[in-house]
C-alpha atoms as a PDB file:
ATOM      1  CA  MET A   1      25.021  -0.356   2.715  1.00  0.00           C
ATOM      2  CA  ALA A   2      22.779  -0.909   5.734  1.00  0.00           C
ATOM      3  CA  SER A   3      21.534  -4.424   6.372  1.00  0.00           C
ATOM      4  CA  PRO A   4      17.763  -5.040   6.128  1.00  0.00           C
ATOM      5  CA  SER A   5      17.523  -5.156   9.925  1.00  0.00           C
ATOM      6  CA  GLU A   6      19.035  -1.650  10.104  1.00  0.00           C
ATOM      7  CA  GLN A   7      16.772  -0.138   7.404  1.00  0.00           C
ATOM      8  CA  ARG A   8      13.913   2.150   8.404  1.00  0.00           C
ATOM      9  CA  VAL A   9      10.687   3.072   6.626  1.00  0.00           C
ATOM     10  CA  ARG A  10       9.856   6.754   6.997  1.00  0.00           C
ATOM     11  CA  ARG A  11       6.337   7.931   7.776  1.00  0.00           C
ATOM     12  CA  PRO A  12       5.347  11.269   6.238  1.00  0.00           C
ATOM     13  CA  LYS A  13       5.185  13.684   9.162  1.00  0.00           C
ATOM     14  CA  ASN A  14       2.378  15.784   7.688  1.00  0.00           C
ATOM     15  CA  HIS A  15       0.105  12.680   7.736  1.00  0.00           C
ATOM     16  CA  GLU A  16       0.966  11.632  11.280  1.00  0.00           C
ATOM     17  CA  ALA A  17      -2.542  12.391  12.614  1.00  0.00           C
ATOM     18  CA  LEU A  18      -4.135  10.331   9.820  1.00  0.00           C
ATOM     19  CA  ILE A  19      -1.718   7.453  10.413  1.00  0.00           C
ATOM     20  CA  GLN A  20      -2.659   7.482  14.101  1.00  0.00           C
ATOM     21  CA  GLN A  21      -6.360   7.668  13.240  1.00  0.00           C
ATOM     22  CA  LEU A  22      -6.156   4.669  10.895  1.00  0.00           C
ATOM     23  CA  SER A  23      -4.103   2.480  13.208  1.00  0.00           C
ATOM     24  CA  LYS A  24      -5.405   0.677  16.275  1.00  0.00           C
ATOM     25  CA  ASP A  25      -4.135   3.440  18.555  1.00  0.00           C
ATOM     26  CA  GLY A  26      -6.795   5.696  17.031  1.00  0.00           C
ATOM     27  CA  ASP A  27      -9.439   2.935  16.922  1.00  0.00           C
ATOM     28  CA  GLY A  28      -8.770   2.541  13.213  1.00  0.00           C
ATOM     29  CA  PRO A  29      -9.079  -0.628  11.148  1.00  0.00           C
ATOM     30  CA  PHE A  30      -5.347  -1.417  10.953  1.00  0.00           C
ATOM     31  CA  ARG A  31      -3.497  -3.261  13.715  1.00  0.00           C
ATOM     32  CA  SER A  32      -0.239  -1.408  13.194  1.00  0.00           C
ATOM     33  CA  MET A  33       1.302   1.600  11.535  1.00  0.00           C
ATOM     34  CA  ALA A  34       3.068  -0.785   9.135  1.00  0.00           C
ATOM     35  CA  GLU A  35      -0.325  -2.116   7.975  1.00  0.00           C
ATOM     36  CA  THR A  36      -1.554   1.466   7.631  1.00  0.00           C
ATOM     37  CA  MET A  37       1.460   2.285   5.454  1.00  0.00           C
ATOM     38  CA  LEU A  38       0.853  -0.821   3.304  1.00  0.00           C
ATOM     39  CA  PHE A  39      -2.767   0.147   2.717  1.00  0.00           C
ATOM     40  CA  ALA A  40      -1.826   3.736   1.890  1.00  0.00           C
ATOM     41  CA  ALA A  41       0.855   2.562  -0.559  1.00  0.00           C
ATOM     42  CA  SER A  42      -1.681   0.326  -2.292  1.00  0.00           C
ATOM     43  CA  VAL A  43      -4.047   3.302  -2.582  1.00  0.00           C
ATOM     44  CA  GLY A  44      -1.225   5.457  -3.897  1.00  0.00           C
ATOM     45  CA  PHE A  45      -0.282   2.835  -6.458  1.00  0.00           C
ATOM     46  CA  SER A  46      -3.894   2.240  -7.560  1.00  0.00           C
ATOM     47  CA  GLN A  47      -4.369   6.009  -7.976  1.00  0.00           C
ATOM     48  CA  ASP A  48      -0.979   6.369  -9.681  1.00  0.00           C
ATOM     49  CA  ARG A  49      -0.036   8.817  -6.936  1.00  0.00           C
ATOM     50  CA  ARG A  50       3.584   8.830  -5.814  1.00  0.00           C
ATOM     51  CA  ASP A  51       4.680  11.894  -3.850  1.00  0.00           C
ATOM     52  CA  GLU A  52       8.056  12.679  -2.331  1.00  0.00           C
ATOM     53  CA  PHE A  53       8.280  14.115   1.173  1.00  0.00           C
ATOM     54  CA  SER A  54      11.099  15.532   3.223  1.00  0.00           C
ATOM     55  CA  GLU A  55       9.844  15.645   6.809  1.00  0.00           C
ATOM     56  CA  ALA A  56       9.405  12.256   8.433  1.00  0.00           C
ATOM     57  CA  GLY A  57       7.837  11.152  11.662  1.00  0.00           C
ATOM     58  CA  GLU A  58       9.166   8.295  13.758  1.00  0.00           C
ATOM     59  CA  PRO A  59      10.374   5.631  11.311  1.00  0.00           C
ATOM     60  CA  ILE A  60       9.286   1.982  11.344  1.00  0.00           C
ATOM     61  CA  ARG A  61      11.932  -0.734  11.343  1.00  0.00           C
ATOM     62  CA  TYR A  62      11.927  -2.520   7.986  1.00  0.00           C
ATOM     63  CA  GLU A  63      12.235  -5.769   9.933  1.00  0.00           C
ATOM     64  CA  ILE A  64       8.551  -5.353  10.876  1.00  0.00           C
ATOM     65  CA  PHE A  65       7.614  -5.438   7.186  1.00  0.00           C
ATOM     66  CA  ARG A  66       9.890  -8.436   6.593  1.00  0.00           C
ATOM     67  CA  ARG A  67       7.895 -10.484   9.111  1.00  0.00           C
ATOM     68  CA  SER A  68       5.186 -10.676   6.476  1.00  0.00           C
ATOM     69  CA  HIS A  69       6.312 -12.202   3.197  1.00  0.00           C
ATOM     70  CA  THR A  70       3.358 -10.493   1.544  1.00  0.00           C
ATOM     71  CA  ALA A  71       4.428  -7.054   2.767  1.00  0.00           C
ATOM     72  CA  GLU A  72       8.016  -7.573   1.690  1.00  0.00           C
ATOM     73  CA  ALA A  73       6.882  -8.890  -1.706  1.00  0.00           C
ATOM     74  CA  PHE A  74       4.602  -5.868  -2.130  1.00  0.00           C
ATOM     75  CA  ILE A  75       7.445  -3.441  -1.421  1.00  0.00           C
ATOM     76  CA  ASP A  76       9.717  -5.343  -3.820  1.00  0.00           C
ATOM     77  CA  SER A  77       6.963  -5.434  -6.463  1.00  0.00           C
ATOM     78  CA  LEU A  78       6.551  -1.665  -6.379  1.00  0.00           C
ATOM     79  CA  GLY A  79      10.275  -1.349  -7.088  1.00  0.00           C
ATOM     80  CA  VAL A  80      10.006  -3.776  -9.990  1.00  0.00           C
ATOM     81  CA  LEU A  81       6.983  -1.983 -11.436  1.00  0.00           C
ATOM     82  CA  VAL A  82       8.750   1.375 -11.294  1.00  0.00           C
ATOM     83  CA  HIS A  83      12.013  -0.043 -12.721  1.00  0.00           C
ATOM     84  CA  SER A  84      10.586  -2.805 -14.930  1.00  0.00           C
ATOM     85  CA  SER A  85      13.577  -2.961 -17.254  1.00  0.00           C
ATOM     86  CA  ASP A  86      16.159  -3.102 -14.463  1.00  0.00           C
ATOM     87  CA  ALA A  87      16.388  -6.483 -12.707  1.00  0.00           C
ATOM     88  CA  SER A  88      19.052  -5.150 -10.341  1.00  0.00           C
ATOM     89  CA  ILE A  89      16.316  -3.221  -8.477  1.00  0.00           C
ATOM     90  CA  LEU A  90      15.821  -6.427  -6.468  1.00  0.00           C
ATOM     91  CA  SER A  91      19.428  -6.549  -5.285  1.00  0.00           C
ATOM     92  CA  ASP A  92      20.170  -6.097  -1.609  1.00  0.00           C
ATOM     93  CA  GLU A  93      22.167  -2.990  -2.459  1.00  0.00           C
ATOM     94  CA  ARG A  94      19.012  -1.284  -3.761  1.00  0.00           C
ATOM     95  CA  LEU A  95      16.711  -2.078  -0.833  1.00  0.00           C
ATOM     96  CA  ALA A  96      16.774   1.576   0.284  1.00  0.00           C
ATOM     97  CA  GLU A  97      15.571   2.613  -3.177  1.00  0.00           C
ATOM     98  CA  ARG A  98      12.662   0.139  -3.033  1.00  0.00           C
ATOM     99  CA  ILE A  99      11.761   1.437   0.415  1.00  0.00           C
ATOM    100  CA  THR A 100      11.760   5.031  -0.882  1.00  0.00           C
ATOM    101  CA  ILE A 101       9.399   4.049  -3.707  1.00  0.00           C
ATOM    102  CA  PHE A 102       7.110   2.409  -1.145  1.00  0.00           C
ATOM    103  CA  GLU A 103       7.247   5.483   1.116  1.00  0.00           C
ATOM    104  CA  GLU A 104       6.347   7.782  -1.778  1.00  0.00           C
ATOM    105  CA  TYR A 105       3.374   5.654  -2.836  1.00  0.00           C
ATOM    106  CA  ALA A 106       2.231   5.556   0.805  1.00  0.00           C
ATOM    107  CA  ASN A 107       2.478   9.351   0.973  1.00  0.00           C
ATOM    108  CA  GLY A 108       0.435   9.646  -2.214  1.00  0.00           C
ATOM    109  CA  GLY A 109      -2.095   7.219  -0.763  1.00  0.00           C
ATOM    110  CA  PHE A 110      -2.400   9.239   2.436  1.00  0.00           C
ATOM    111  CA  ILE A 111      -3.087  12.333   0.339  1.00  0.00           C
ATOM    112  CA  GLU A 112      -5.887  10.506  -1.506  1.00  0.00           C
ATOM    113  CA  ILE A 113      -7.307   8.998   1.695  1.00  0.00           C
ATOM    114  CA  GLN A 114      -7.344  12.381   3.439  1.00  0.00           C
ATOM    115  CA  LYS A 115      -8.984  13.980   0.405  1.00  0.00           C
ATOM    116  CA  ALA A 116     -11.712  11.291   0.427  1.00  0.00           C
ATOM    117  CA  ILE A 117     -12.281  11.712   4.177  1.00  0.00           C
ATOM    118  CA  ASN A 118     -12.476  15.504   3.867  1.00  0.00           C
ATOM    119  CA  SER A 119     -15.039  15.344   1.053  1.00  0.00           C
ATOM    120  CA  SER A 120     -17.261  12.799   2.785  1.00  0.00           C
ATOM    121  CA  ARG A 121     -19.632  12.995   5.690  1.00  0.00           C
ATOM    122  CA  SER A 122     -19.212   9.280   6.305  1.00  0.00           C
ATOM    123  CA  ARG A 123     -17.235   7.420   8.934  1.00  0.00           C
ATOM    124  CA  VAL A 124     -13.576   6.795   8.114  1.00  0.00           C
ATOM    125  CA  MET A 125     -14.166   3.042   7.787  1.00  0.00           C
ATOM    126  CA  ASP A 126     -16.965   3.645   5.262  1.00  0.00           C
ATOM    127  CA  VAL A 127     -14.688   5.930   3.243  1.00  0.00           C
ATOM    128  CA  LEU A 128     -11.961   3.262   3.162  1.00  0.00           C
ATOM    129  CA  LEU A 129     -14.425   0.556   2.143  1.00  0.00           C
ATOM    130  CA  GLU A 130     -15.756   2.737  -0.662  1.00  0.00           C
ATOM    131  CA  MET A 131     -12.204   3.355  -1.896  1.00  0.00           C
ATOM    132  CA  VAL A 132     -11.589  -0.404  -1.971  1.00  0.00           C
ATOM    133  CA  ARG A 133     -14.878  -1.037  -3.787  1.00  0.00           C
ATOM    134  CA  ARG A 134     -14.103   1.567  -6.454  1.00  0.00           C
ATOM    135  CA  THR A 135     -10.607   0.210  -6.974  1.00  0.00           C
ATOM    136  CA  GLY A 136     -11.956  -3.335  -7.272  1.00  0.00           C
ATOM    137  CA  LYS A 137     -14.489  -2.266  -9.895  1.00  0.00           C
ATOM    138  CA  ALA A 138     -11.879  -0.332 -11.856  1.00  0.00           C
ATOM    139  CA  THR A 139      -9.521  -3.310 -12.026  1.00  0.00           C
ATOM    140  CA  LYS A 140      -9.749  -4.891 -15.449  1.00  0.00           C
ATOM    141  CA  LYS A 141     -10.003  -8.639 -15.374  1.00  0.00           C
ATOM    142  CA  PRO A 142      -7.448 -10.231 -17.713  1.00  0.00           C
ATOM    143  CA  ASP A 143      -8.664 -12.191 -20.737  1.00  0.00           C
ATOM    144  CA  LEU A 144      -8.456 -15.802 -19.658  1.00  0.00           C
ATOM    145  CA  PRO A 145      -9.297 -19.104 -21.285  1.00  0.00           C
ATOM    146  CA  ALA A 146     -12.854 -20.216 -20.419  1.00  0.00           C
ATOM    147  CA  GLU A 147     -11.617 -23.071 -18.226  1.00  0.00           C
ATOM    148  CA  LEU A 148      -9.662 -20.614 -16.040  1.00  0.00           C
ATOM    149  CA  ASP A 149     -12.213 -17.806 -16.103  1.00  0.00           C
ATOM    150  CA  GLN A 150     -14.436 -19.686 -13.670  1.00  0.00           C
ATOM    151  CA  PHE A 151     -11.781 -19.411 -10.961  1.00  0.00           C
ATOM    152  CA  PHE A 152     -11.484 -15.637 -11.206  1.00  0.00           C
ATOM    153  CA  GLY A 153     -15.106 -14.602 -11.668  1.00  0.00           C
ATOM    154  CA  PRO A 154     -17.783 -14.326  -8.989  1.00  0.00           C
ATOM    155  CA  PRO A 155     -18.842 -17.689  -7.560  1.00  0.00           C
ATOM    156  CA  ASP A 156     -21.844 -19.399  -9.127  1.00  0.00           C
ATOM    157  CA  PHE A 157     -23.982 -21.039  -6.448  1.00  0.00           C
ATOM    158  CA  SER A 158     -26.864 -21.938  -8.735  1.00  0.00           C
ATOM    159  CA  PRO A 159     -27.911 -25.620  -8.775  1.00  0.00           C
ATOM    160  CA  PRO A 160     -26.343 -27.703 -11.558  1.00  0.00           C
END
């Protein structure tokens, strides 16, 4: 078993141009390719789109993702959601499996992002913002007690 510092996250080779376009190297909104992958995986998950791929571009060291507790928790969470009845998915021995799940959701997200860009005449940033808006609207707010609901709804700035 490879240690976390030796693990790599594969980038789908057929989306390499899109990854470059979305990262800062292509004047995109994301500071790094790791951030681009995280966004794509969240799109893939929200669209229930998980696609395998065989050809990979230059991989990203998993250590880069581990620098952000949020990124690492997101990758772990995807593994838990896919294998909800198997607590051992969070074991160190199954890190590679969690990374593969993340990679496949990212690939699915890149497919959806590219499809949205191709069908739009808008700037890439506008397409991404619209995708986020639609996902936010589609997310069902959980039923909460009235005293908690105020914290999760839109802010009320009206005078008392």
